[in-house]
Amino acid sequence: MNLPDENRPSLLRRLAAVLYDGMLLIALWMGAGAAWIALHGGNAAAPGDAFFRLYLLGVSFVFFVGFWVWGGRTLGLQAWRMRLIDANGQKVGLVGASNRFFAALLSWLPAGAGFLWALFDRQGLTWHDRLSRTYLYLDPKRP
């Protein structure tokens, strides 16, 4: 996708939205952790429990994919005037949002190199933008 420069969010703007969404996700994980404990007779998950980690990954998936499919943006994206679009400039569907979620995990794995790639990419895209063919669009300022 070839977005005009004024509609390409900077890496700093993207990371600010990640920070917002990260705070929301931590709150969701705390609630999910409380539910896990309640469902397991008051016992916390053991350190490194694979099932608990998959459970939290599922909570993360529902959070991000749900927001992207339902409204095209998470609260962090909304706060920073961005939205997620597909290669045709339309709202992203379940498959595209799911692909972006798992591609974003790959972008984070090598110490965030997939995000930092935006600094070197001619179009300012991250690995997960390219892999999922979904893109962040910076909405123009309202007068």
N, C-alpha and C. Protein backbone atom coordinates (compact mmCIF):
# COMPACT_ATOMS: atom_id res chain seq x y z
N MET A 1 0.86 -1.18 0.00
CA MET A 1 0.00 0.00 0.00
C MET A 1 0.89 1.23 0.00
N ASN A 2 0.52 2.17 -0.78
CA ASN A 2 1.31 3.39 -0.90
C ASN A 2 0.52 4.57 -0.34
N LEU A 3 0.67 4.79 0.96
CA LEU A 3 -0.03 5.89 1.62
C LEU A 3 0.73 7.19 1.40
N PRO A 4 0.00 8.29 1.25
CA PRO A 4 0.68 9.59 1.22
C PRO A 4 1.42 9.83 2.53
N ASP A 5 2.50 10.58 2.47
CA ASP A 5 3.32 10.82 3.67
C ASP A 5 2.52 11.34 4.85
N GLU A 6 1.54 12.21 4.58
CA GLU A 6 0.77 12.79 5.69
C GLU A 6 -0.16 11.78 6.37
N ASN A 7 -0.36 10.61 5.76
CA ASN A 7 -1.21 9.59 6.35
C ASN A 7 -0.42 8.40 6.89
N ARG A 8 0.90 8.52 6.92
CA ARG A 8 1.75 7.47 7.48
C ARG A 8 2.13 7.84 8.90
N PRO A 9 1.73 7.02 9.86
CA PRO A 9 2.11 7.34 11.24
C PRO A 9 3.59 7.08 11.48
N SER A 10 4.19 7.92 12.28
CA SER A 10 5.61 7.75 12.62
C SER A 10 5.75 6.58 13.60
N LEU A 11 6.98 6.11 13.74
CA LEU A 11 7.26 5.05 14.70
C LEU A 11 6.95 5.52 16.11
N LEU A 12 7.26 6.76 16.42
CA LEU A 12 6.99 7.30 17.75
C LEU A 12 5.49 7.30 18.05
N ARG A 13 4.68 7.68 17.10
CA ARG A 13 3.22 7.67 17.26
C ARG A 13 2.73 6.23 17.47
N ARG A 14 3.27 5.31 16.69
CA ARG A 14 2.90 3.89 16.83
C ARG A 14 3.23 3.39 18.23
N LEU A 15 4.44 3.72 18.70
CA LEU A 15 4.86 3.24 20.02
C LEU A 15 4.06 3.88 21.14
N ALA A 16 3.62 5.12 20.94
CA ALA A 16 2.76 5.76 21.94
C ALA A 16 1.43 5.00 22.04
N ALA A 17 0.88 4.59 20.89
CA ALA A 17 -0.36 3.81 20.90
C ALA A 17 -0.12 2.45 21.57
N VAL A 18 1.04 1.85 21.33
CA VAL A 18 1.39 0.57 21.97
C VAL A 18 1.42 0.74 23.48
N LEU A 19 1.96 1.87 23.95
CA LEU A 19 2.00 2.13 25.39
C LEU A 19 0.59 2.22 25.97
N TYR A 20 -0.28 2.96 25.32
CA TYR A 20 -1.68 3.06 25.77
C TYR A 20 -2.33 1.68 25.83
N ASP A 21 -2.21 0.95 24.72
CA ASP A 21 -2.84 -0.37 24.66
C ASP A 21 -2.19 -1.35 25.64
N GLY A 22 -0.90 -1.18 25.86
CA GLY A 22 -0.21 -2.04 26.82
C GLY A 22 -0.75 -1.86 28.23
N MET A 23 -1.04 -0.62 28.61
CA MET A 23 -1.62 -0.37 29.94
C MET A 23 -3.01 -1.01 30.06
N LEU A 24 -3.80 -0.89 29.00
CA LEU A 24 -5.12 -1.52 29.01
C LEU A 24 -5.00 -3.05 29.08
N LEU A 25 -4.05 -3.58 28.33
CA LEU A 25 -3.87 -5.02 28.31
C LEU A 25 -3.42 -5.55 29.67
N ILE A 26 -2.57 -4.82 30.35
CA ILE A 26 -2.15 -5.24 31.69
C ILE A 26 -3.35 -5.30 32.63
N ALA A 27 -4.24 -4.31 32.55
CA ALA A 27 -5.45 -4.32 33.38
C ALA A 27 -6.32 -5.54 33.03
N LEU A 28 -6.43 -5.84 31.73
CA LEU A 28 -7.21 -7.03 31.33
C LEU A 28 -6.56 -8.31 31.84
N TRP A 29 -5.24 -8.39 31.77
CA TRP A 29 -4.53 -9.56 32.28
C TRP A 29 -4.74 -9.73 33.78
N MET A 30 -4.80 -8.61 34.50
CA MET A 30 -5.04 -8.70 35.94
C MET A 30 -6.43 -9.29 36.21
N GLY A 31 -7.43 -8.81 35.48
CA GLY A 31 -8.78 -9.37 35.62
C GLY A 31 -8.84 -10.82 35.19
N ALA A 32 -8.14 -11.14 34.09
CA ALA A 32 -8.11 -12.53 33.62
C ALA A 32 -7.40 -13.42 34.63
N GLY A 33 -6.35 -12.88 35.26
CA GLY A 33 -5.64 -13.64 36.29
C GLY A 33 -6.53 -13.91 37.49
N ALA A 34 -7.32 -12.92 37.88
CA ALA A 34 -8.25 -13.11 39.00
C ALA A 34 -9.30 -14.17 38.65
N ALA A 35 -9.78 -14.14 37.41
CA ALA A 35 -10.75 -15.16 36.98
C ALA A 35 -10.11 -16.54 36.98
N TRP A 36 -8.86 -16.63 36.54
CA TRP A 36 -8.13 -17.90 36.53
C TRP A 36 -8.04 -18.47 37.95
N ILE A 37 -7.66 -17.60 38.89
CA ILE A 37 -7.53 -18.03 40.29
C ILE A 37 -8.88 -18.50 40.82
N ALA A 38 -9.94 -17.75 40.52
CA ALA A 38 -11.28 -18.14 40.99
C ALA A 38 -11.70 -19.48 40.42
N LEU A 39 -11.37 -19.73 39.16
CA LEU A 39 -11.75 -20.99 38.51
C LEU A 39 -10.88 -22.17 38.93
N HIS A 40 -9.77 -21.88 39.61
CA HIS A 40 -8.87 -22.94 40.05
C HIS A 40 -8.81 -23.04 41.57
N GLY A 41 -9.95 -22.80 42.20
CA GLY A 41 -10.08 -23.00 43.64
C GLY A 41 -9.19 -22.10 44.48
N GLY A 42 -8.90 -20.90 43.99
CA GLY A 42 -8.08 -19.97 44.76
C GLY A 42 -6.59 -20.17 44.58
N ASN A 43 -6.20 -21.06 43.67
CA ASN A 43 -4.78 -21.33 43.45
C ASN A 43 -4.28 -20.56 42.24
N ALA A 44 -3.17 -19.87 42.43
CA ALA A 44 -2.55 -19.14 41.32
C ALA A 44 -1.90 -20.13 40.36
N ALA A 45 -1.67 -19.69 39.15
CA ALA A 45 -0.95 -20.50 38.17
C ALA A 45 0.50 -20.66 38.62
N ALA A 46 1.05 -21.81 38.37
CA ALA A 46 2.45 -22.05 38.70
C ALA A 46 3.34 -21.20 37.79
N PRO A 47 4.48 -20.78 38.27
CA PRO A 47 5.39 -20.01 37.40
C PRO A 47 5.70 -20.79 36.11
N GLY A 48 5.56 -20.12 34.99
CA GLY A 48 5.85 -20.75 33.71
C GLY A 48 4.76 -21.67 33.20
N ASP A 49 3.60 -21.68 33.83
CA ASP A 49 2.49 -22.54 33.41
C ASP A 49 2.10 -22.23 31.96
N ALA A 50 2.30 -23.21 31.08
CA ALA A 50 2.05 -23.02 29.64
C ALA A 50 0.57 -22.73 29.36
N PHE A 51 -0.32 -23.38 30.07
CA PHE A 51 -1.75 -23.15 29.84
C PHE A 51 -2.15 -21.73 30.23
N PHE A 52 -1.60 -21.24 31.33
CA PHE A 52 -1.90 -19.88 31.76
C PHE A 52 -1.36 -18.87 30.74
N ARG A 53 -0.19 -19.12 30.22
CA ARG A 53 0.38 -18.23 29.20
C ARG A 53 -0.48 -18.23 27.93
N LEU A 54 -0.94 -19.39 27.53
CA LEU A 54 -1.82 -19.47 26.36
C LEU A 54 -3.14 -18.75 26.62
N TYR A 55 -3.62 -18.86 27.84
CA TYR A 55 -4.85 -18.16 28.24
C TYR A 55 -4.67 -16.65 28.10
N LEU A 56 -3.55 -16.11 28.59
CA LEU A 56 -3.29 -14.68 28.48
C LEU A 56 -3.07 -14.27 27.03
N LEU A 57 -2.45 -15.14 26.24
CA LEU A 57 -2.30 -14.86 24.81
C LEU A 57 -3.67 -14.79 24.15
N GLY A 58 -4.58 -15.68 24.56
CA GLY A 58 -5.95 -15.65 24.05
C GLY A 58 -6.68 -14.37 24.42
N VAL A 59 -6.48 -13.91 25.65
CA VAL A 59 -7.07 -12.63 26.08
C VAL A 59 -6.53 -11.50 25.21
N SER A 60 -5.24 -11.51 24.95
CA SER A 60 -4.62 -10.49 24.09
C SER A 60 -5.18 -10.54 22.68
N PHE A 61 -5.33 -11.74 22.16
CA PHE A 61 -5.88 -11.93 20.82
C PHE A 61 -7.28 -11.34 20.72
N VAL A 62 -8.12 -11.67 21.68
CA VAL A 62 -9.51 -11.16 21.67
C VAL A 62 -9.51 -9.64 21.78
N PHE A 63 -8.66 -9.09 22.61
CA PHE A 63 -8.58 -7.63 22.77
C PHE A 63 -8.23 -6.96 21.44
N PHE A 64 -7.09 -7.33 20.87
CA PHE A 64 -6.64 -6.65 19.66
C PHE A 64 -7.51 -6.96 18.45
N VAL A 65 -7.72 -8.22 18.18
CA VAL A 65 -8.48 -8.59 16.99
C VAL A 65 -9.91 -8.09 17.10
N GLY A 66 -10.49 -8.16 18.28
CA GLY A 66 -11.84 -7.65 18.47
C GLY A 66 -11.96 -6.17 18.15
N PHE A 67 -11.04 -5.38 18.70
CA PHE A 67 -11.06 -3.94 18.41
C PHE A 67 -10.81 -3.66 16.94
N TRP A 68 -9.84 -4.34 16.32
CA TRP A 68 -9.51 -4.08 14.92
C TRP A 68 -10.66 -4.42 13.99
N VAL A 69 -11.33 -5.53 14.26
CA VAL A 69 -12.44 -5.94 13.39
C VAL A 69 -13.67 -5.08 13.65
N TRP A 70 -13.97 -4.84 14.91
CA TRP A 70 -15.20 -4.14 15.27
C TRP A 70 -15.16 -2.68 14.85
N GLY A 71 -14.12 -1.96 15.22
CA GLY A 71 -14.09 -0.52 14.95
C GLY A 71 -12.89 -0.04 14.17
N GLY A 72 -11.97 -0.94 13.83
CA GLY A 72 -10.79 -0.55 13.07
C GLY A 72 -9.68 0.05 13.91
N ARG A 73 -9.89 0.13 15.22
CA ARG A 73 -8.86 0.74 16.06
C ARG A 73 -9.03 0.31 17.51
N THR A 74 -7.89 0.23 18.18
CA THR A 74 -7.89 0.02 19.62
C THR A 74 -8.01 1.41 20.26
N LEU A 75 -8.11 1.45 21.57
CA LEU A 75 -8.19 2.75 22.24
C LEU A 75 -6.89 3.55 22.06
N GLY A 76 -5.76 2.85 22.04
CA GLY A 76 -4.49 3.53 21.80
C GLY A 76 -4.42 4.13 20.40
N LEU A 77 -4.89 3.39 19.41
CA LEU A 77 -4.92 3.90 18.04
C LEU A 77 -5.86 5.10 17.94
N GLN A 78 -6.99 5.01 18.62
CA GLN A 78 -7.96 6.11 18.58
C GLN A 78 -7.36 7.37 19.21
N ALA A 79 -6.67 7.20 20.33
CA ALA A 79 -6.09 8.35 21.01
C ALA A 79 -5.04 9.05 20.14
N TRP A 80 -4.38 8.30 19.29
CA TRP A 80 -3.33 8.86 18.44
C TRP A 80 -3.78 9.01 16.98
N ARG A 81 -5.11 9.03 16.75
CA ARG A 81 -5.72 9.29 15.44
C ARG A 81 -5.29 8.31 14.35
N MET A 82 -5.19 7.05 14.70
CA MET A 82 -4.83 6.04 13.71
C MET A 82 -5.93 5.01 13.62
N ARG A 83 -5.97 4.32 12.47
CA ARG A 83 -6.88 3.19 12.32
C ARG A 83 -6.22 2.16 11.43
N LEU A 84 -6.71 0.95 11.53
CA LEU A 84 -6.16 -0.16 10.77
C LEU A 84 -6.98 -0.37 9.51
N ILE A 85 -6.29 -0.49 8.37
CA ILE A 85 -6.97 -0.71 7.09
C ILE A 85 -6.28 -1.86 6.36
N ASP A 86 -6.97 -2.41 5.39
CA ASP A 86 -6.37 -3.45 4.55
C ASP A 86 -5.73 -2.79 3.33
N ALA A 87 -5.23 -3.61 2.42
CA ALA A 87 -4.53 -3.09 1.24
C ALA A 87 -5.43 -2.28 0.33
N ASN A 88 -6.75 -2.45 0.47
CA ASN A 88 -7.71 -1.70 -0.34
C ASN A 88 -8.23 -0.45 0.37
N GLY A 89 -7.70 -0.18 1.56
CA GLY A 89 -8.14 0.98 2.33
C GLY A 89 -9.44 0.76 3.08
N GLN A 90 -9.86 -0.52 3.20
CA GLN A 90 -11.11 -0.86 3.88
C GLN A 90 -10.84 -1.37 5.29
N LYS A 91 -11.94 -1.53 6.06
CA LYS A 91 -11.82 -2.14 7.39
C LYS A 91 -11.25 -3.54 7.26
N VAL A 92 -10.52 -3.94 8.25
CA VAL A 92 -9.88 -5.25 8.25
C VAL A 92 -10.86 -6.29 8.78
N GLY A 93 -10.87 -7.45 8.14
CA GLY A 93 -11.72 -8.56 8.58
C GLY A 93 -11.00 -9.43 9.60
N LEU A 94 -11.67 -10.49 10.01
CA LEU A 94 -11.14 -11.39 11.03
C LEU A 94 -9.82 -12.02 10.61
N VAL A 95 -9.73 -12.46 9.37
CA VAL A 95 -8.50 -13.11 8.90
C VAL A 95 -7.34 -12.12 8.87
N GLY A 96 -7.57 -10.94 8.32
CA GLY A 96 -6.52 -9.92 8.27
C GLY A 96 -6.07 -9.49 9.65
N ALA A 97 -7.02 -9.31 10.56
CA ALA A 97 -6.68 -8.91 11.94
C ALA A 97 -5.92 -10.02 12.65
N SER A 98 -6.33 -11.25 12.44
CA SER A 98 -5.63 -12.39 13.05
C SER A 98 -4.21 -12.50 12.51
N ASN A 99 -4.06 -12.34 11.20
CA ASN A 99 -2.72 -12.36 10.60
C ASN A 99 -1.84 -11.27 11.18
N ARG A 100 -2.41 -10.08 11.36
CA ARG A 100 -1.64 -8.97 11.93
C ARG A 100 -1.22 -9.28 13.36
N PHE A 101 -2.11 -9.84 14.15
CA PHE A 101 -1.79 -10.16 15.54
C PHE A 101 -0.59 -11.09 15.61
N PHE A 102 -0.62 -12.19 14.84
CA PHE A 102 0.48 -13.16 14.91
C PHE A 102 1.75 -12.62 14.26
N ALA A 103 1.61 -11.79 13.22
CA ALA A 103 2.78 -11.17 12.62
C ALA A 103 3.41 -10.16 13.59
N ALA A 104 2.58 -9.46 14.37
CA ALA A 104 3.10 -8.51 15.36
C ALA A 104 3.89 -9.24 16.45
N LEU A 105 3.45 -10.45 16.81
CA LEU A 105 4.23 -11.24 17.76
C LEU A 105 5.63 -11.50 17.21
N LEU A 106 5.70 -11.82 15.92
CA LEU A 106 7.01 -12.04 15.28
C LEU A 106 7.84 -10.76 15.29
N SER A 107 7.19 -9.62 15.13
CA SER A 107 7.90 -8.34 15.15
C SER A 107 8.49 -8.04 16.52
N TRP A 108 7.84 -8.50 17.58
CA TRP A 108 8.33 -8.25 18.93
C TRP A 108 9.44 -9.20 19.34
N LEU A 109 9.41 -10.43 18.82
CA LEU A 109 10.33 -11.47 19.30
C LEU A 109 11.81 -11.08 19.24
N PRO A 110 12.32 -10.56 18.13
CA PRO A 110 13.74 -10.21 18.13
C PRO A 110 13.98 -8.81 18.70
N ALA A 111 13.62 -8.62 19.96
CA ALA A 111 13.82 -7.36 20.68
C ALA A 111 13.15 -6.17 19.97
N GLY A 112 11.99 -6.41 19.37
CA GLY A 112 11.25 -5.34 18.73
C GLY A 112 11.78 -4.92 17.37
N ALA A 113 12.66 -5.73 16.78
CA ALA A 113 13.28 -5.37 15.49
C ALA A 113 12.25 -5.16 14.40
N GLY A 114 11.14 -5.89 14.47
CA GLY A 114 10.10 -5.74 13.45
C GLY A 114 9.44 -4.37 13.49
N PHE A 115 9.40 -3.77 14.67
CA PHE A 115 8.88 -2.40 14.80
C PHE A 115 9.93 -1.39 14.34
N LEU A 116 11.16 -1.61 14.79
CA LEU A 116 12.24 -0.68 14.44
C LEU A 116 12.52 -0.66 12.94
N TRP A 117 12.11 -1.71 12.25
CA TRP A 117 12.28 -1.78 10.81
C TRP A 117 11.63 -0.57 10.12
N ALA A 118 10.61 0.00 10.72
CA ALA A 118 9.92 1.16 10.15
C ALA A 118 10.88 2.34 9.96
N LEU A 119 11.95 2.39 10.73
CA LEU A 119 12.93 3.47 10.59
C LEU A 119 13.72 3.35 9.29
N PHE A 120 13.83 2.13 8.76
CA PHE A 120 14.63 1.88 7.57
C PHE A 120 13.80 1.63 6.32
N ASP A 121 12.55 1.31 6.51
CA ASP A 121 11.65 1.00 5.40
C ASP A 121 11.30 2.27 4.65
N ARG A 122 11.33 2.23 3.33
CA ARG A 122 11.05 3.43 2.53
C ARG A 122 9.65 3.99 2.77
N GLN A 123 8.71 3.10 3.08
CA GLN A 123 7.34 3.54 3.33
C GLN A 123 7.01 3.63 4.82
N GLY A 124 8.01 3.40 5.66
CA GLY A 124 7.81 3.48 7.10
C GLY A 124 6.98 2.34 7.66
N LEU A 125 7.01 1.18 6.98
CA LEU A 125 6.20 0.03 7.40
C LEU A 125 6.99 -0.90 8.31
N THR A 126 6.27 -1.59 9.18
CA THR A 126 6.86 -2.59 10.07
C THR A 126 6.76 -3.96 9.42
N TRP A 127 7.39 -4.95 10.05
CA TRP A 127 7.29 -6.32 9.52
C TRP A 127 5.83 -6.77 9.48
N HIS A 128 5.10 -6.48 10.55
CA HIS A 128 3.72 -6.98 10.60
C HIS A 128 2.81 -6.24 9.62
N ASP A 129 3.14 -5.00 9.27
CA ASP A 129 2.40 -4.33 8.19
C ASP A 129 2.58 -5.13 6.90
N ARG A 130 3.82 -5.43 6.59
CA ARG A 130 4.13 -6.12 5.34
C ARG A 130 3.61 -7.56 5.34
N LEU A 131 3.84 -8.29 6.43
CA LEU A 131 3.43 -9.69 6.48
C LEU A 131 1.91 -9.87 6.41
N SER A 132 1.18 -9.01 7.07
CA SER A 132 -0.28 -9.16 7.13
C SER A 132 -1.01 -8.38 6.05
N ARG A 133 -0.30 -7.49 5.38
CA ARG A 133 -0.90 -6.60 4.39
C ARG A 133 -2.04 -5.79 4.98
N THR A 134 -1.83 -5.37 6.22
CA THR A 134 -2.72 -4.43 6.90
C THR A 134 -1.85 -3.26 7.32
N TYR A 135 -2.45 -2.06 7.39
CA TYR A 135 -1.65 -0.87 7.57
C TYR A 135 -2.32 0.10 8.53
N LEU A 136 -1.49 0.86 9.23
CA LEU A 136 -2.01 1.92 10.06
C LEU A 136 -2.13 3.19 9.21
N TYR A 137 -3.27 3.82 9.35
CA TYR A 137 -3.58 5.03 8.59
C TYR A 137 -3.75 6.16 9.59
N LEU A 138 -3.03 7.24 9.38
CA LEU A 138 -3.12 8.41 10.26
C LEU A 138 -4.24 9.32 9.74
N ASP A 139 -5.28 9.45 10.54
CA ASP A 139 -6.40 10.32 10.17
C ASP A 139 -5.94 11.77 10.21
N PRO A 140 -6.43 12.59 9.27
CA PRO A 140 -6.07 14.01 9.29
C PRO A 140 -6.64 14.71 10.53
N LYS A 141 -5.97 15.78 10.95
CA LYS A 141 -6.46 16.56 12.08
C LYS A 141 -7.76 17.24 11.69
N ARG A 142 -8.65 17.32 12.64
CA ARG A 142 -9.91 18.05 12.41
C ARG A 142 -9.68 19.52 12.66
N PRO A 143 -10.28 20.40 11.84
CA PRO A 143 -10.07 21.83 12.04
C PRO A 143 -10.72 22.34 13.33
